[in-house]
C-alpha atoms as a PDB file:
ATOM      1  CA  UNK A   1     120.555-173.457   3.188  1.00  0.00           C
ATOM      2  CA  UNK A   2     120.707-173.861   6.945  1.00  0.00           C
ATOM      3  CA  UNK A   3     122.325-171.331   9.251  1.00  0.00           C
ATOM      4  CA  UNK A   4     125.206-173.694  10.057  1.00  0.00           C
ATOM      5  CA  UNK A   5     125.956-174.237   6.334  1.00  0.00           C
ATOM      6  CA  UNK A   6     125.809-170.482   5.679  1.00  0.00           C
ATOM      7  CA  UNK A   7     128.198-169.819   8.580  1.00  0.00           C
ATOM      8  CA  UNK A   8     130.658-172.452   7.266  1.00  0.00           C
ATOM      9  CA  UNK A   9     130.468-170.979   3.731  1.00  0.00           C
ATOM     10  CA  UNK A  10     131.178-167.452   5.024  1.00  0.00           C
ATOM     11  CA  UNK A  11     134.088-168.692   7.164  1.00  0.00           C
ATOM     12  CA  UNK A  12     135.594-170.583   4.185  1.00  0.00           C
ATOM     13  CA  UNK A  13     135.227-167.527   1.918  1.00  0.00           C
ATOM     14  CA  UNK A  14     136.836-165.296   4.547  1.00  0.00           C
ATOM     15  CA  UNK A  15     139.793-167.657   5.080  1.00  0.00           C
ATOM     16  CA  UNK A  16     140.203-168.093   1.327  1.00  0.00           C
ATOM     17  CA  UNK A  17     140.271-164.326   0.858  1.00  0.00           C
ATOM     18  CA  UNK A  18     142.947-163.914   3.540  1.00  0.00           C
ATOM     19  CA  UNK A  19     145.135-166.703   2.122  1.00  0.00           C
ATOM     20  CA  UNK A  20     144.659-165.444  -1.450  1.00  0.00           C
ATOM     21  CA  UNK A  21     145.549-161.872  -0.442  1.00  0.00           C
ATOM     22  CA  UNK A  22     148.735-162.957   1.308  1.00  0.00           C
ATOM     23  CA  UNK A  23     149.729-165.173  -1.615  1.00  0.00           C
ATOM     24  CA  UNK A  24     149.073-162.504  -4.246  1.00  0.00           C
ATOM     25  CA  UNK A  25     150.984-159.842  -2.306  1.00  0.00           C
ATOM     26  CA  UNK A  26     154.013-162.153  -2.190  1.00  0.00           C
ATOM     27  CA  UNK A  27     153.838-163.145  -5.857  1.00  0.00           C
ATOM     28  CA  UNK A  28     152.876-159.823  -7.451  1.00  0.00           C
ATOM     29  CA  UNK A  29     154.595-157.288  -5.178  1.00  0.00           C
ATOM     30  CA  UNK A  30     157.012-154.965  -7.031  1.00  0.00           C
ATOM     31  CA  UNK A  31     160.677-155.417  -6.321  1.00  0.00           C
ATOM     32  CA  UNK A  32     162.527-152.344  -5.014  1.00  0.00           C
ATOM     33  CA  UNK A  33     164.652-150.473  -7.551  1.00  0.00           C
ATOM     34  CA  UNK A  34     168.298-150.378  -6.577  1.00  0.00           C
ATOM     35  CA  UNK A  35     169.669-148.287  -9.446  1.00  0.00           C
ATOM     36  CA  UNK A  36     169.882-145.125  -7.361  1.00  0.00           C
ATOM     37  CA  UNK A  37     171.258-144.365  -3.957  1.00  0.00           C
ATOM     38  CA  UNK A  38     168.775-143.154  -1.412  1.00  0.00           C
ATOM     39  CA  UNK A  39     170.681-139.863  -1.041  1.00  0.00           C
ATOM     40  CA  UNK A  40     171.418-139.138  -4.718  1.00  0.00           C
ATOM     41  CA  UNK A  41     170.050-138.910  -8.233  1.00  0.00           C
ATOM     42  CA  UNK A  42     171.597-140.734 -11.178  1.00  0.00           C
ATOM     43  CA  UNK A  43     171.191-139.566 -14.752  1.00  0.00           C
ATOM     44  CA  UNK A  44     173.163-139.140 -17.947  1.00  0.00           C
ATOM     45  CA  UNK A  45     171.866-135.610 -18.537  1.00  0.00           C
ATOM     46  CA  UNK A  46     170.275-132.747 -16.618  1.00  0.00           C
ATOM     47  CA  UNK A  47     168.564-129.892 -18.497  1.00  0.00           C
ATOM     48  CA  UNK A  48     167.427-126.501 -17.258  1.00  0.00           C
ATOM     49  CA  UNK A  49     164.457-125.298 -19.314  1.00  0.00           C
ATOM     50  CA  UNK A  50     162.979-121.810 -19.589  1.00  0.00           C
ATOM     51  CA  UNK A  51     159.225-121.135 -19.358  1.00  0.00           C
ATOM     52  CA  UNK A  52     158.825-121.903 -23.081  1.00  0.00           C
ATOM     53  CA  UNK A  53     160.467-125.331 -22.699  1.00  0.00           C
ATOM     54  CA  UNK A  54     163.699-124.327 -24.446  1.00  0.00           C
ATOM     55  CA  UNK A  55     166.902-125.772 -22.961  1.00  0.00           C
ATOM     56  CA  UNK A  56     169.041-122.991 -21.503  1.00  0.00           C
ATOM     57  CA  UNK A  57     171.594-125.089 -19.609  1.00  0.00           C
ATOM     58  CA  UNK A  58     172.669-128.699 -19.551  1.00  0.00           C
ATOM     59  CA  UNK A  59     174.990-130.944 -17.651  1.00  0.00           C
ATOM     60  CA  UNK A  60     175.723-134.310 -19.167  1.00  0.00           C
ATOM     61  CA  UNK A  61     177.795-136.715 -21.186  1.00  0.00           C
ATOM     62  CA  UNK A  62     178.337-136.522 -24.934  1.00  0.00           C
ATOM     63  CA  UNK A  63     178.498-139.483 -27.322  1.00  0.00           C
ATOM     64  CA  UNK A  64     182.158-140.086 -26.393  1.00  0.00           C
ATOM     65  CA  UNK A  65     181.407-140.171 -22.660  1.00  0.00           C
ATOM     66  CA  UNK A  66     182.986-136.763 -22.027  1.00  0.00           C
ATOM     67  CA  UNK A  67     181.343-134.625 -19.359  1.00  0.00           C
ATOM     68  CA  UNK A  68     180.379-131.012 -19.923  1.00  0.00           C
ATOM     69  CA  UNK A  69     178.315-128.076 -18.716  1.00  0.00           C
ATOM     70  CA  UNK A  70     176.643-125.944 -21.403  1.00  0.00           C
ATOM     71  CA  UNK A  71     175.018-122.550 -20.797  1.00  0.00           C
ATOM     72  CA  UNK A  72     173.047-120.847 -23.576  1.00  0.00           C
ATOM     73  CA  UNK A  73     172.308-117.130 -23.841  1.00  0.00           C
ATOM     74  CA  UNK A  74     168.695-115.986 -23.728  1.00  0.00           C
ATOM     75  CA  UNK A  75     168.630-115.303 -27.476  1.00  0.00           C
ATOM     76  CA  UNK A  76     170.594-118.482 -28.285  1.00  0.00           C
ATOM     77  CA  UNK A  77     173.458-116.590 -29.960  1.00  0.00           C
ATOM     78  CA  UNK A  78     176.192-117.483 -27.480  1.00  0.00           C
ATOM     79  CA  UNK A  79     177.113-120.735 -25.765  1.00  0.00           C
ATOM     80  CA  UNK A  80     179.439-121.086 -22.790  1.00  0.00           C
ATOM     81  CA  UNK A  81     180.852-124.584 -22.355  1.00  0.00           C
ATOM     82  CA  UNK A  82     182.916-126.050 -19.557  1.00  0.00           C
ATOM     83  CA  UNK A  83     184.487-129.438 -20.147  1.00  0.00           C
ATOM     84  CA  UNK A  84     187.616-130.878 -18.560  1.00  0.00           C
ATOM     85  CA  UNK A  85     187.819-133.400 -21.413  1.00  0.00           C
ATOM     86  CA  UNK A  86     187.844-130.786 -24.221  1.00  0.00           C
ATOM     87  CA  UNK A  87     191.035-129.135 -25.504  1.00  0.00           C
ATOM     88  CA  UNK A  88     189.643-125.792 -24.256  1.00  0.00           C
ATOM     89  CA  UNK A  89     188.328-126.305 -20.744  1.00  0.00           C
ATOM     90  CA  UNK A  90     186.178-123.147 -20.964  1.00  0.00           C
ATOM     91  CA  UNK A  91     185.016-121.455 -24.147  1.00  0.00           C
ATOM     92  CA  UNK A  92     182.452-118.956 -25.328  1.00  0.00           C
ATOM     93  CA  UNK A  93     181.161-119.652 -28.845  1.00  0.00           C
ATOM     94  CA  UNK A  94     178.806-117.636 -31.031  1.00  0.00           C
ATOM     95  CA  UNK A  95     176.005-119.223 -33.052  1.00  0.00           C
ATOM     96  CA  UNK A  96     178.128-119.539 -36.201  1.00  0.00           C
ATOM     97  CA  UNK A  97     180.718-121.617 -34.339  1.00  0.00           C
ATOM     98  CA  UNK A  98     183.378-118.907 -33.977  1.00  0.00           C
ATOM     99  CA  UNK A  99     185.135-119.093 -30.606  1.00  0.00           C
ATOM    100  CA  UNK A 100     184.865-115.677 -28.936  1.00  0.00           C
ATOM    101  CA  UNK A 101     186.906-116.601 -25.898  1.00  0.00           C
ATOM    102  CA  UNK A 102     188.592-119.729 -24.564  1.00  0.00           C
ATOM    103  CA  UNK A 103     190.888-120.965 -21.833  1.00  0.00           C
ATOM    104  CA  UNK A 104     193.032-124.066 -22.351  1.00  0.00           C
END
């Protein structure tokens, strides 16, 4: 192969690489996600876990779409719930389900 042919081959490969790179970046580039605002976080549930991975607090929606905040005692025997959609907005419940304290 002569020097002139080698130079033309290298130039064609270089130009082809540039054009192919531009084309592939346009075709295969990921689209930006617009589900969240840039200054916020969207989720259906937030959990606070202890060092053992056990949920100790949660903020979220139940199956009916009602919002609530749940706080669990360290031993798991008592649960404090706050929900504006529940009949008792604030209540403290023991493990067996007995309401220890509540506010309508």
